[in-house]
């Protein structure tokens, strides 16, 4: 049985969500804006349309190999993909940085090299898939600050699809036929409580069908150099949607350069017309410098978390954009969050 990533909050939790939103939203949004500015002014990806990534896209990968330690010049410290001189601004980091299980990768502002831990291989990524889904929707239908975007009217077919997904214990939000969601609300449902049914709605709205949308997901992945990635659905529920941590860093970095995306994943909660208050599954948000991005969890993928955090490293505010996949534990979401938190701590202290 698949792990259900989120459930509708109780009345008490709804009240807590509202209070948390008021207290945390301003702080998190401010830190998130700093992260966007820092990253865009250094190595961040600049979006210039799907299939045409900006010049700041990380250009190479340095993969840590067990038994090898990081060095000052990056030579002999890992396998370098991409440019031959890719390690010049990012020598392979120490093996102590990486989680003990699964796979992980990250890139720091000011560097163009993705640091990748051992065991990189295509694996299920669960709801981290939704980063690509949101990126494509926002690329086709950009949202400016204060804009809610077009209205999407939900149908009886959407309600039937939701019922089928509920029977499979997928992560979803309650909807009703005739309900109207703005684009922004649909993205909030996708990215905060991780609603698989809204991933399907957005895919059909954007591309006409889920199949056509998945084709666009794979085309975008190829354009971003995500050579070990294959999408088969827009939500990540299918185990055949696979990627590596290093590949996912590329799309997370790209998506976080979109202010609308960065703003939504920085929200602790949102309110939807029928579902009511929904909570962000990213409970690290607003703590330890974390400003988003997306959790993922099921029995095939384990605990997964794509993240961005802002930390002081060497006296400079630095953004760390990373991904952890395949983290073990009964609390799968918690396992991904803990792995990311510990990894960021070790990066910042190293």
C-alpha atoms as a PDB file:
ATOM      1  CA  UNK A   1       0.000   0.000   0.000  1.00  0.00           C
ATOM      2  CA  UNK A   2       1.349   3.379  -0.942  1.00  0.00           C
ATOM      3  CA  UNK A   3       2.111   5.905   1.756  1.00  0.00           C
ATOM      4  CA  UNK A   4      -0.423   8.727   1.643  1.00  0.00           C
ATOM      5  CA  UNK A   5       1.551  11.933   1.627  1.00  0.00           C
ATOM      6  CA  UNK A   6      -1.054  14.211   3.132  1.00  0.00           C
ATOM      7  CA  UNK A   7      -4.446  14.192   4.774  1.00  0.00           C
ATOM      8  CA  UNK A   8      -7.007  16.898   5.315  1.00  0.00           C
ATOM      9  CA  UNK A   9      -6.220  18.741   8.565  1.00  0.00           C
ATOM     10  CA  UNK A  10      -8.447  18.560  11.627  1.00  0.00           C
ATOM     11  CA  UNK A  11     -10.318  21.634  12.903  1.00  0.00           C
ATOM     12  CA  UNK A  12      -7.590  22.280  15.454  1.00  0.00           C
ATOM     13  CA  UNK A  13      -4.895  21.966  12.813  1.00  0.00           C
ATOM     14  CA  UNK A  14      -6.849  24.334  10.568  1.00  0.00           C
ATOM     15  CA  UNK A  15      -6.697  26.979  13.283  1.00  0.00           C
ATOM     16  CA  UNK A  16      -2.999  26.370  13.770  1.00  0.00           C
ATOM     17  CA  UNK A  17      -2.485  26.659  10.021  1.00  0.00           C
ATOM     18  CA  UNK A  18      -4.071  30.104   9.900  1.00  0.00           C
ATOM     19  CA  UNK A  19      -2.006  31.351  12.829  1.00  0.00           C
ATOM     20  CA  UNK A  20       1.160  29.811  11.395  1.00  0.00           C
ATOM     21  CA  UNK A  21       0.520  31.455   8.062  1.00  0.00           C
ATOM     22  CA  UNK A  22       0.223  34.904   9.627  1.00  0.00           C
ATOM     23  CA  UNK A  23       3.337  34.512  11.773  1.00  0.00           C
ATOM     24  CA  UNK A  24       5.582  32.713   9.309  1.00  0.00           C
ATOM     25  CA  UNK A  25       4.610  33.927   5.858  1.00  0.00           C
ATOM     26  CA  UNK A  26       6.296  37.333   6.044  1.00  0.00           C
ATOM     27  CA  UNK A  27       9.571  35.946   7.391  1.00  0.00           C
ATOM     28  CA  UNK A  28       9.728  33.032   4.983  1.00  0.00           C
ATOM     29  CA  UNK A  29       8.793  35.187   1.999  1.00  0.00           C
ATOM     30  CA  UNK A  30      11.516  37.691   2.857  1.00  0.00           C
ATOM     31  CA  UNK A  31      14.159  34.980   3.207  1.00  0.00           C
ATOM     32  CA  UNK A  32      12.907  33.347   0.015  1.00  0.00           C
ATOM     33  CA  UNK A  33      13.230  36.619  -1.881  1.00  0.00           C
ATOM     34  CA  UNK A  34      16.795  36.974  -0.633  1.00  0.00           C
ATOM     35  CA  UNK A  35      17.483  33.417  -1.845  1.00  0.00           C
ATOM     36  CA  UNK A  36      16.117  34.178  -5.305  1.00  0.00           C
ATOM     37  CA  UNK A  37      18.137  37.386  -5.584  1.00  0.00           C
ATOM     38  CA  UNK A  38      21.325  35.747  -4.316  1.00  0.00           C
ATOM     39  CA  UNK A  39      21.018  32.814  -6.666  1.00  0.00           C
ATOM     40  CA  UNK A  40      20.030  34.838  -9.708  1.00  0.00           C
ATOM     41  CA  UNK A  41      22.950  37.215  -9.165  1.00  0.00           C
ATOM     42  CA  UNK A  42      25.408  34.340  -9.156  1.00  0.00           C
ATOM     43  CA  UNK A  43      24.778  30.968 -10.787  1.00  0.00           C
ATOM     44  CA  UNK A  44      21.021  30.653 -10.888  1.00  0.00           C
ATOM     45  CA  UNK A  45      19.211  29.419 -13.935  1.00  0.00           C
ATOM     46  CA  UNK A  46      17.476  32.147 -15.889  1.00  0.00           C
ATOM     47  CA  UNK A  47      14.309  30.938 -17.568  1.00  0.00           C
ATOM     48  CA  UNK A  48      14.051  31.875 -21.214  1.00  0.00           C
ATOM     49  CA  UNK A  49      11.335  29.409 -22.170  1.00  0.00           C
ATOM     50  CA  UNK A  50      10.881  25.668 -21.993  1.00  0.00           C
ATOM     51  CA  UNK A  51      13.575  23.925 -23.971  1.00  0.00           C
ATOM     52  CA  UNK A  52      15.780  27.002 -23.825  1.00  0.00           C
ATOM     53  CA  UNK A  53      17.381  27.084 -20.369  1.00  0.00           C
ATOM     54  CA  UNK A  54      19.220  30.202 -19.296  1.00  0.00           C
ATOM     55  CA  UNK A  55      22.987  30.559 -19.321  1.00  0.00           C
ATOM     56  CA  UNK A  56      23.260  29.968 -15.574  1.00  0.00           C
ATOM     57  CA  UNK A  57      22.180  26.314 -15.740  1.00  0.00           C
ATOM     58  CA  UNK A  58      24.707  24.173 -13.815  1.00  0.00           C
ATOM     59  CA  UNK A  59      27.113  22.995 -16.472  1.00  0.00           C
ATOM     60  CA  UNK A  60      28.629  19.875 -14.934  1.00  0.00           C
ATOM     61  CA  UNK A  61      28.431  17.320 -12.147  1.00  0.00           C
ATOM     62  CA  UNK A  62      31.124  16.272  -9.689  1.00  0.00           C
ATOM     63  CA  UNK A  63      30.283  12.863  -8.211  1.00  0.00           C
ATOM     64  CA  UNK A  64      31.794  11.827  -4.901  1.00  0.00           C
ATOM     65  CA  UNK A  65      33.337   8.365  -4.900  1.00  0.00           C
ATOM     66  CA  UNK A  66      33.615   6.420  -1.615  1.00  0.00           C
ATOM     67  CA  UNK A  67      37.187   6.328  -0.404  1.00  0.00           C
ATOM     68  CA  UNK A  68      38.063   9.631  -2.049  1.00  0.00           C
ATOM     69  CA  UNK A  69      38.178  12.954  -0.258  1.00  0.00           C
ATOM     70  CA  UNK A  70      37.513  16.453  -1.563  1.00  0.00           C
ATOM     71  CA  UNK A  71      40.500  18.549  -2.534  1.00  0.00           C
ATOM     72  CA  UNK A  72      41.301  22.141  -3.293  1.00  0.00           C
ATOM     73  CA  UNK A  73      41.692  21.698  -7.012  1.00  0.00           C
ATOM     74  CA  UNK A  74      38.998  19.091  -7.642  1.00  0.00           C
ATOM     75  CA  UNK A  75      41.425  16.754  -9.417  1.00  0.00           C
ATOM     76  CA  UNK A  76      41.143  13.080  -8.614  1.00  0.00           C
ATOM     77  CA  UNK A  77      38.278  13.703  -6.207  1.00  0.00           C
ATOM     78  CA  UNK A  78      35.344  12.420  -8.171  1.00  0.00           C
ATOM     79  CA  UNK A  79      33.923  11.777 -11.579  1.00  0.00           C
ATOM     80  CA  UNK A  80      33.321  14.977 -13.473  1.00  0.00           C
ATOM     81  CA  UNK A  81      30.586  15.144 -16.092  1.00  0.00           C
ATOM     82  CA  UNK A  82      30.116  17.976 -18.568  1.00  0.00           C
ATOM     83  CA  UNK A  83      32.930  20.488 -19.006  1.00  0.00           C
ATOM     84  CA  UNK A  84      36.422  19.235 -18.320  1.00  0.00           C
ATOM     85  CA  UNK A  85      37.104  22.239 -16.106  1.00  0.00           C
ATOM     86  CA  UNK A  86      33.771  21.911 -14.262  1.00  0.00           C
ATOM     87  CA  UNK A  87      35.402  21.266 -10.876  1.00  0.00           C
ATOM     88  CA  UNK A  88      37.258  24.574 -10.883  1.00  0.00           C
ATOM     89  CA  UNK A  89      34.532  26.253  -8.825  1.00  0.00           C
ATOM     90  CA  UNK A  90      33.342  23.128  -7.013  1.00  0.00           C
ATOM     91  CA  UNK A  91      35.841  20.454  -6.004  1.00  0.00           C
ATOM     92  CA  UNK A  92      34.215  17.236  -4.812  1.00  0.00           C
ATOM     93  CA  UNK A  93      33.045  17.689  -1.234  1.00  0.00           C
ATOM     94  CA  UNK A  94      33.874  15.417   1.661  1.00  0.00           C
ATOM     95  CA  UNK A  95      32.021  12.129   1.909  1.00  0.00           C
ATOM     96  CA  UNK A  96      30.756  13.125   5.349  1.00  0.00           C
ATOM     97  CA  UNK A  97      28.350  15.590   3.716  1.00  0.00           C
ATOM     98  CA  UNK A  98      26.109  12.915   2.217  1.00  0.00           C
ATOM     99  CA  UNK A  99      23.222  11.065   3.887  1.00  0.00           C
ATOM    100  CA  UNK A 100      24.042   7.517   4.937  1.00  0.00           C
ATOM    101  CA  UNK A 101      21.382   6.062   2.634  1.00  0.00           C
ATOM    102  CA  UNK A 102      19.788   6.882  -0.697  1.00  0.00           C
ATOM    103  CA  UNK A 103      21.237   9.523  -2.994  1.00  0.00           C
ATOM    104  CA  UNK A 104      21.682  13.276  -2.819  1.00  0.00           C
ATOM    105  CA  UNK A 105      23.048  16.251  -4.737  1.00  0.00           C
ATOM    106  CA  UNK A 106      23.264  20.024  -4.384  1.00  0.00           C
ATOM    107  CA  UNK A 107      24.544  23.219  -5.975  1.00  0.00           C
ATOM    108  CA  UNK A 108      25.565  26.415  -4.167  1.00  0.00           C
ATOM    109  CA  UNK A 109      25.090  29.970  -5.336  1.00  0.00           C
ATOM    110  CA  UNK A 110      28.295  31.249  -6.892  1.00  0.00           C
ATOM    111  CA  UNK A 111      29.079  27.843  -8.376  1.00  0.00           C
ATOM    112  CA  UNK A 112      28.070  26.188 -11.640  1.00  0.00           C
ATOM    113  CA  UNK A 113      28.905  22.626 -10.601  1.00  0.00           C
ATOM    114  CA  UNK A 114      26.386  20.201  -9.121  1.00  0.00           C
ATOM    115  CA  UNK A 115      27.885  18.189  -6.288  1.00  0.00           C
ATOM    116  CA  UNK A 116      26.509  14.641  -6.389  1.00  0.00           C
ATOM    117  CA  UNK A 117      26.852  11.982  -3.723  1.00  0.00           C
ATOM    118  CA  UNK A 118      27.444   8.281  -4.343  1.00  0.00           C
ATOM    119  CA  UNK A 119      24.819   5.839  -5.629  1.00  0.00           C
ATOM    120  CA  UNK A 120      23.407   8.112  -8.344  1.00  0.00           C
ATOM    121  CA  UNK A 121      20.988   5.999 -10.370  1.00  0.00           C
ATOM    122  CA  UNK A 122      17.485   6.433 -11.842  1.00  0.00           C
ATOM    123  CA  UNK A 123      14.999   5.794  -9.035  1.00  0.00           C
ATOM    124  CA  UNK A 124      11.367   6.677  -8.260  1.00  0.00           C
ATOM    125  CA  UNK A 125      11.017  10.289  -7.072  1.00  0.00           C
ATOM    126  CA  UNK A 126       7.371  10.358  -5.934  1.00  0.00           C
ATOM    127  CA  UNK A 127       5.909  13.871  -5.620  1.00  0.00           C
ATOM    128  CA  UNK A 128       9.192  15.653  -6.342  1.00  0.00           C
ATOM    129  CA  UNK A 129       7.872  15.102  -9.887  1.00  0.00           C
ATOM    130  CA  UNK A 130       5.487  18.002  -9.272  1.00  0.00           C
ATOM    131  CA  UNK A 131       8.354  20.494  -9.495  1.00  0.00           C
ATOM    132  CA  UNK A 132       8.525  19.815 -13.228  1.00  0.00           C
ATOM    133  CA  UNK A 133       4.732  19.889 -13.504  1.00  0.00           C
ATOM    134  CA  UNK A 134       4.523  23.324 -11.881  1.00  0.00           C
ATOM    135  CA  UNK A 135       7.488  24.598 -13.904  1.00  0.00           C
ATOM    136  CA  UNK A 136       5.856  23.710 -17.214  1.00  0.00           C
ATOM    137  CA  UNK A 137       2.495  25.201 -16.214  1.00  0.00           C
ATOM    138  CA  UNK A 138       4.141  28.453 -15.135  1.00  0.00           C
ATOM    139  CA  UNK A 139       6.274  28.548 -18.261  1.00  0.00           C
ATOM    140  CA  UNK A 140       3.132  28.341 -20.412  1.00  0.00           C
ATOM    141  CA  UNK A 141       0.983  30.518 -18.159  1.00  0.00           C
ATOM    142  CA  UNK A 142       3.300  32.929 -16.290  1.00  0.00           C
ATOM    143  CA  UNK A 143       2.030  34.579 -13.126  1.00  0.00           C
ATOM    144  CA  UNK A 144       3.206  38.039 -12.179  1.00  0.00           C
ATOM    145  CA  UNK A 145       3.210  39.235  -8.530  1.00  0.00           C
ATOM    146  CA  UNK A 146      -0.373  39.651  -7.383  1.00  0.00           C
ATOM    147  CA  UNK A 147      -1.825  37.749 -10.326  1.00  0.00           C
ATOM    148  CA  UNK A 148      -4.015  34.686  -9.790  1.00  0.00           C
ATOM    149  CA  UNK A 149      -4.111  33.661 -13.447  1.00  0.00           C
ATOM    150  CA  UNK A 150      -6.917  32.060 -15.481  1.00  0.00           C
ATOM    151  CA  UNK A 151      -9.781  30.153 -13.863  1.00  0.00           C
ATOM    152  CA  UNK A 152      -9.985  26.370 -14.179  1.00  0.00           C
ATOM    153  CA  UNK A 153     -13.480  24.878 -13.794  1.00  0.00           C
ATOM    154  CA  UNK A 154     -13.490  21.356 -12.390  1.00  0.00           C
ATOM    155  CA  UNK A 155     -15.789  18.786 -13.970  1.00  0.00           C
ATOM    156  CA  UNK A 156     -17.628  15.608 -13.064  1.00  0.00           C
ATOM    157  CA  UNK A 157     -14.802  13.723 -14.782  1.00  0.00           C
ATOM    158  CA  UNK A 158     -12.326  15.374 -12.413  1.00  0.00           C
ATOM    159  CA  UNK A 159     -14.456  14.302  -9.448  1.00  0.00           C
ATOM    160  CA  UNK A 160     -14.581  10.711 -10.765  1.00  0.00           C
ATOM    161  CA  UNK A 161     -10.812  10.736 -11.269  1.00  0.00           C
ATOM    162  CA  UNK A 162     -10.376  11.970  -7.692  1.00  0.00           C
ATOM    163  CA  UNK A 163     -12.560   9.144  -6.378  1.00  0.00           C
ATOM    164  CA  UNK A 164     -10.459   6.595  -8.266  1.00  0.00           C
ATOM    165  CA  UNK A 165      -7.292   8.092  -6.821  1.00  0.00           C
ATOM    166  CA  UNK A 166      -8.767   8.102  -3.316  1.00  0.00           C
ATOM    167  CA  UNK A 167      -9.418   4.371  -3.648  1.00  0.00           C
ATOM    168  CA  UNK A 168      -5.688   3.929  -4.324  1.00  0.00           C
ATOM    169  CA  UNK A 169      -4.888   6.124  -1.284  1.00  0.00           C
ATOM    170  CA  UNK A 170      -3.189   8.771  -3.385  1.00  0.00           C
ATOM    171  CA  UNK A 171      -2.440  12.187  -1.981  1.00  0.00           C
ATOM    172  CA  UNK A 172      -5.233  14.552  -3.031  1.00  0.00           C
ATOM    173  CA  UNK A 173      -7.530  17.424  -2.076  1.00  0.00           C
ATOM    174  CA  UNK A 174     -11.310  17.412  -2.006  1.00  0.00           C
ATOM    175  CA  UNK A 175     -12.965  18.958  -5.063  1.00  0.00           C
ATOM    176  CA  UNK A 176     -16.479  19.389  -6.467  1.00  0.00           C
ATOM    177  CA  UNK A 177     -17.918  19.547  -9.970  1.00  0.00           C
ATOM    178  CA  UNK A 178     -18.273  23.167 -10.980  1.00  0.00           C
ATOM    179  CA  UNK A 179     -15.648  24.333  -8.493  1.00  0.00           C
ATOM    180  CA  UNK A 180     -13.459  27.078  -9.897  1.00  0.00           C
ATOM    181  CA  UNK A 181      -9.767  27.238  -9.083  1.00  0.00           C
ATOM    182  CA  UNK A 182      -7.473  29.982 -10.246  1.00  0.00           C
ATOM    183  CA  UNK A 183      -4.173  28.865 -11.697  1.00  0.00           C
ATOM    184  CA  UNK A 184      -2.479  30.038  -8.506  1.00  0.00           C
ATOM    185  CA  UNK A 185      -4.855  28.038  -6.304  1.00  0.00           C
ATOM    186  CA  UNK A 186      -4.331  24.941  -8.433  1.00  0.00           C
ATOM    187  CA  UNK A 187      -0.562  25.314  -8.058  1.00  0.00           C
ATOM    188  CA  UNK A 188      -0.968  25.783  -4.302  1.00  0.00           C
ATOM    189  CA  UNK A 189      -2.943  22.522  -4.171  1.00  0.00           C
ATOM    190  CA  UNK A 190      -0.256  20.814  -6.251  1.00  0.00           C
ATOM    191  CA  UNK A 191       2.761  22.035  -4.284  1.00  0.00           C
ATOM    192  CA  UNK A 192       1.606  22.368  -0.662  1.00  0.00           C
ATOM    193  CA  UNK A 193      -0.582  19.349   0.229  1.00  0.00           C
ATOM    194  CA  UNK A 194       0.778  17.560  -2.879  1.00  0.00           C
ATOM    195  CA  UNK A 195      -2.512  16.820  -4.612  1.00  0.00           C
ATOM    196  CA  UNK A 196      -2.183  14.175  -7.317  1.00  0.00           C
ATOM    197  CA  UNK A 197      -5.682  14.871  -8.605  1.00  0.00           C
ATOM    198  CA  UNK A 198      -4.750  18.505  -9.254  1.00  0.00           C
ATOM    199  CA  UNK A 199      -1.581  17.402 -11.065  1.00  0.00           C
ATOM    200  CA  UNK A 200      -3.866  15.576 -13.498  1.00  0.00           C
ATOM    201  CA  UNK A 201      -6.156  18.615 -13.799  1.00  0.00           C
ATOM    202  CA  UNK A 202      -3.246  20.936 -14.568  1.00  0.00           C
ATOM    203  CA  UNK A 203      -1.757  18.517 -17.101  1.00  0.00           C
ATOM    204  CA  UNK A 204      -5.002  18.320 -19.061  1.00  0.00           C
ATOM    205  CA  UNK A 205      -5.593  22.075 -18.777  1.00  0.00           C
ATOM    206  CA  UNK A 206      -2.107  22.906 -20.030  1.00  0.00           C
ATOM    207  CA  UNK A 207      -1.548  20.319 -22.769  1.00  0.00           C
ATOM    208  CA  UNK A 208      -4.967  18.861 -23.557  1.00  0.00           C
ATOM    209  CA  UNK A 209      -4.185  15.441 -22.088  1.00  0.00           C
ATOM    210  CA  UNK A 210      -1.947  13.855 -19.495  1.00  0.00           C
ATOM    211  CA  UNK A 211      -0.077  11.962 -22.218  1.00  0.00           C
ATOM    212  CA  UNK A 212       0.780  15.102 -24.153  1.00  0.00           C
ATOM    213  CA  UNK A 213       1.848  16.828 -20.950  1.00  0.00           C
ATOM    214  CA  UNK A 214       4.176  13.947 -20.054  1.00  0.00           C
ATOM    215  CA  UNK A 215       5.774  14.236 -23.497  1.00  0.00           C
ATOM    216  CA  UNK A 216       6.488  17.889 -22.725  1.00  0.00           C
ATOM    217  CA  UNK A 217       7.921  16.947 -19.323  1.00  0.00           C
ATOM    218  CA  UNK A 218      10.416  14.627 -20.983  1.00  0.00           C
ATOM    219  CA  UNK A 219      11.279  17.178 -23.664  1.00  0.00           C
ATOM    220  CA  UNK A 220      11.964  19.761 -20.961  1.00  0.00           C
ATOM    221  CA  UNK A 221      14.094  17.251 -19.057  1.00  0.00           C
ATOM    222  CA  UNK A 222      16.210  16.609 -22.142  1.00  0.00           C
ATOM    223  CA  UNK A 223      16.654  20.343 -22.740  1.00  0.00           C
ATOM    224  CA  UNK A 224      17.919  20.731 -19.168  1.00  0.00           C
ATOM    225  CA  UNK A 225      20.470  17.927 -19.528  1.00  0.00           C
ATOM    226  CA  UNK A 226      18.525  15.537 -17.273  1.00  0.00           C
ATOM    227  CA  UNK A 227      19.795  12.444 -19.080  1.00  0.00           C
ATOM    228  CA  UNK A 228      18.839   9.941 -16.350  1.00  0.00           C
ATOM    229  CA  UNK A 229      15.243  11.135 -16.012  1.00  0.00           C
ATOM    230  CA  UNK A 230      12.041   9.628 -17.425  1.00  0.00           C
ATOM    231  CA  UNK A 231       8.610  10.992 -16.553  1.00  0.00           C
ATOM    232  CA  UNK A 232       5.547   8.779 -17.065  1.00  0.00           C
ATOM    233  CA  UNK A 233       2.951  10.804 -15.120  1.00  0.00           C
ATOM    234  CA  UNK A 234       2.546  14.392 -13.863  1.00  0.00           C
ATOM    235  CA  UNK A 235       2.236  13.537 -10.157  1.00  0.00           C
ATOM    236  CA  UNK A 236       4.990  10.981  -9.502  1.00  0.00           C
ATOM    237  CA  UNK A 237       2.583   8.316  -8.253  1.00  0.00           C
ATOM    238  CA  UNK A 238       3.800   5.889 -10.910  1.00  0.00           C
ATOM    239  CA  UNK A 239       6.978   4.049  -9.960  1.00  0.00           C
ATOM    240  CA  UNK A 240       8.105   4.292 -13.584  1.00  0.00           C
ATOM    241  CA  UNK A 241       8.708   8.031 -13.164  1.00  0.00           C
ATOM    242  CA  UNK A 242      12.416   7.944 -12.289  1.00  0.00           C
ATOM    243  CA  UNK A 243      15.339  10.316 -11.970  1.00  0.00           C
ATOM    244  CA  UNK A 244      18.533  10.962 -10.046  1.00  0.00           C
ATOM    245  CA  UNK A 245      19.197  13.509  -7.332  1.00  0.00           C
ATOM    246  CA  UNK A 246      21.691  15.286  -9.600  1.00  0.00           C
ATOM    247  CA  UNK A 247      19.141  15.534 -12.423  1.00  0.00           C
ATOM    248  CA  UNK A 248      16.463  16.877 -10.096  1.00  0.00           C
ATOM    249  CA  UNK A 249      18.751  19.656  -8.859  1.00  0.00           C
ATOM    250  CA  UNK A 250      18.644  21.034 -12.402  1.00  0.00           C
ATOM    251  CA  UNK A 251      14.853  21.385 -12.544  1.00  0.00           C
ATOM    252  CA  UNK A 252      14.606  22.622  -8.947  1.00  0.00           C
ATOM    253  CA  UNK A 253      17.167  25.333  -9.702  1.00  0.00           C
ATOM    254  CA  UNK A 254      15.234  26.256 -12.849  1.00  0.00           C
ATOM    255  CA  UNK A 255      11.838  26.334 -11.140  1.00  0.00           C
ATOM    256  CA  UNK A 256      13.068  28.408  -8.199  1.00  0.00           C
ATOM    257  CA  UNK A 257      14.104  31.177 -10.576  1.00  0.00           C
ATOM    258  CA  UNK A 258      10.388  31.715 -11.243  1.00  0.00           C
ATOM    259  CA  UNK A 259       9.127  34.137  -8.556  1.00  0.00           C
ATOM    260  CA  UNK A 260       5.613  32.650  -8.628  1.00  0.00           C
ATOM    261  CA  UNK A 261       6.956  29.150  -7.961  1.00  0.00           C
ATOM    262  CA  UNK A 262       9.335  30.340  -5.231  1.00  0.00           C
ATOM    263  CA  UNK A 263       6.525  32.297  -3.605  1.00  0.00           C
ATOM    264  CA  UNK A 264       4.093  29.383  -3.533  1.00  0.00           C
ATOM    265  CA  UNK A 265       6.536  26.845  -2.070  1.00  0.00           C
ATOM    266  CA  UNK A 266       7.350  29.410   0.643  1.00  0.00           C
ATOM    267  CA  UNK A 267       3.733  29.336   1.886  1.00  0.00           C
ATOM    268  CA  UNK A 268       3.081  27.329   5.070  1.00  0.00           C
ATOM    269  CA  UNK A 269      -0.594  26.964   4.161  1.00  0.00           C
ATOM    270  CA  UNK A 270      -3.298  28.010   1.722  1.00  0.00           C
ATOM    271  CA  UNK A 271      -7.097  28.005   1.540  1.00  0.00           C
ATOM    272  CA  UNK A 272      -8.943  26.360  -1.355  1.00  0.00           C
ATOM    273  CA  UNK A 273     -12.624  26.827  -2.268  1.00  0.00           C
ATOM    274  CA  UNK A 274     -13.812  23.304  -1.408  1.00  0.00           C
ATOM    275  CA  UNK A 275     -10.903  21.681   0.439  1.00  0.00           C
ATOM    276  CA  UNK A 276     -10.519  24.656   2.772  1.00  0.00           C
ATOM    277  CA  UNK A 277      -7.214  25.179   4.624  1.00  0.00           C
ATOM    278  CA  UNK A 278      -4.367  22.938   3.431  1.00  0.00           C
ATOM    279  CA  UNK A 279      -0.911  22.657   4.937  1.00  0.00           C
ATOM    280  CA  UNK A 280       2.495  22.537   3.308  1.00  0.00           C
ATOM    281  CA  UNK A 281       4.059  19.089   3.795  1.00  0.00           C
ATOM    282  CA  UNK A 282       7.453  20.840   4.080  1.00  0.00           C
ATOM    283  CA  UNK A 283       7.622  21.333   7.844  1.00  0.00           C
ATOM    284  CA  UNK A 284      11.224  22.594   7.622  1.00  0.00           C
ATOM    285  CA  UNK A 285       9.885  25.738   5.976  1.00  0.00           C
ATOM    286  CA  UNK A 286      10.959  28.805   7.937  1.00  0.00           C
ATOM    287  CA  UNK A 287      13.461  26.834  10.031  1.00  0.00           C
ATOM    288  CA  UNK A 288      17.231  26.574   9.637  1.00  0.00           C
ATOM    289  CA  UNK A 289      17.121  28.810   6.562  1.00  0.00           C
ATOM    290  CA  UNK A 290      14.824  26.552   4.508  1.00  0.00           C
ATOM    291  CA  UNK A 291      12.625  28.425   2.015  1.00  0.00           C
ATOM    292  CA  UNK A 292      10.963  25.489   0.065  1.00  0.00           C
ATOM    293  CA  UNK A 293      10.633  23.381  -2.248  1.00  0.00           C
ATOM    294  CA  UNK A 294       8.825  19.978  -2.396  1.00  0.00           C
ATOM    295  CA  UNK A 295       8.533  16.760  -0.436  1.00  0.00           C
ATOM    296  CA  UNK A 296       7.874  13.339  -1.915  1.00  0.00           C
ATOM    297  CA  UNK A 297       7.206   9.949  -0.374  1.00  0.00           C
ATOM    298  CA  UNK A 298       5.938   6.479  -1.108  1.00  0.00           C
ATOM    299  CA  UNK A 299       7.099   2.937  -0.530  1.00  0.00           C
ATOM    300  CA  UNK A 300       8.977   2.736  -3.826  1.00  0.00           C
ATOM    301  CA  UNK A 301      10.709   6.125  -3.532  1.00  0.00           C
ATOM    302  CA  UNK A 302      11.207   6.301   0.236  1.00  0.00           C
ATOM    303  CA  UNK A 303      11.554   9.784   1.659  1.00  0.00           C
ATOM    304  CA  UNK A 304      12.420  12.470  -0.889  1.00  0.00           C
ATOM    305  CA  UNK A 305      12.890  16.206  -0.554  1.00  0.00           C
ATOM    306  CA  UNK A 306      13.867  18.873  -3.068  1.00  0.00           C
ATOM    307  CA  UNK A 307      14.900  21.960  -1.157  1.00  0.00           C
ATOM    308  CA  UNK A 308      16.493  25.374  -1.031  1.00  0.00           C
ATOM    309  CA  UNK A 309      18.076  26.836   2.087  1.00  0.00           C
ATOM    310  CA  UNK A 310      19.976  30.030   2.827  1.00  0.00           C
ATOM    311  CA  UNK A 311      22.938  29.749   5.181  1.00  0.00           C
ATOM    312  CA  UNK A 312      25.964  31.821   6.121  1.00  0.00           C
ATOM    313  CA  UNK A 313      29.087  30.117   4.762  1.00  0.00           C
ATOM    314  CA  UNK A 314      32.439  31.821   5.222  1.00  0.00           C
ATOM    315  CA  UNK A 315      30.644  34.982   6.298  1.00  0.00           C
ATOM    316  CA  UNK A 316      28.534  35.139   3.116  1.00  0.00           C
ATOM    317  CA  UNK A 317      24.839  34.415   2.653  1.00  0.00           C
ATOM    318  CA  UNK A 318      24.741  31.357   0.387  1.00  0.00           C
ATOM    319  CA  UNK A 319      21.834  29.491  -1.170  1.00  0.00           C
ATOM    320  CA  UNK A 320      22.011  25.719  -1.222  1.00  0.00           C
ATOM    321  CA  UNK A 321      19.689  24.019  -3.696  1.00  0.00           C
ATOM    322  CA  UNK A 322      19.556  20.280  -3.286  1.00  0.00           C
ATOM    323  CA  UNK A 323      17.679  16.998  -3.481  1.00  0.00           C
ATOM    324  CA  UNK A 324      17.672  13.868  -1.340  1.00  0.00           C
ATOM    325  CA  UNK A 325      16.032  10.657  -2.592  1.00  0.00           C
ATOM    326  CA  UNK A 326      15.389   7.196  -1.184  1.00  0.00           C
ATOM    327  CA  UNK A 327      15.611   8.009   2.521  1.00  0.00           C
ATOM    328  CA  UNK A 328      14.509   5.084   4.713  1.00  0.00           C
ATOM    329  CA  UNK A 329      12.180   5.244   7.680  1.00  0.00           C
ATOM    330  CA  UNK A 330       8.594   4.622   8.736  1.00  0.00           C
ATOM    331  CA  UNK A 331       7.939   8.373   8.573  1.00  0.00           C
ATOM    332  CA  UNK A 332       8.993   8.787   4.973  1.00  0.00           C
ATOM    333  CA  UNK A 333       8.417  12.530   4.669  1.00  0.00           C
ATOM    334  CA  UNK A 334      10.242  13.077   7.943  1.00  0.00           C
ATOM    335  CA  UNK A 335      13.147  10.939   6.763  1.00  0.00           C
ATOM    336  CA  UNK A 336      13.607  13.124   3.685  1.00  0.00           C
ATOM    337  CA  UNK A 337      13.372  16.325   5.701  1.00  0.00           C
ATOM    338  CA  UNK A 338      15.869  15.115   8.323  1.00  0.00           C
ATOM    339  CA  UNK A 339      18.341  13.988   5.663  1.00  0.00           C
ATOM    340  CA  UNK A 340      18.217  17.386   3.957  1.00  0.00           C
ATOM    341  CA  UNK A 341      18.515  19.309   7.224  1.00  0.00           C
ATOM    342  CA  UNK A 342      21.548  17.321   8.280  1.00  0.00           C
ATOM    343  CA  UNK A 343      23.168  17.632   4.877  1.00  0.00           C
ATOM    344  CA  UNK A 344      22.734  21.421   4.833  1.00  0.00           C
ATOM    345  CA  UNK A 345      24.215  21.619   8.332  1.00  0.00           C
ATOM    346  CA  UNK A 346      27.275  19.678   7.198  1.00  0.00           C
ATOM    347  CA  UNK A 347      27.677  21.750   4.027  1.00  0.00           C
ATOM    348  CA  UNK A 348      27.487  24.989   6.007  1.00  0.00           C
ATOM    349  CA  UNK A 349      29.924  23.843   8.681  1.00  0.00           C
ATOM    350  CA  UNK A 350      32.419  22.354   6.240  1.00  0.00           C
END
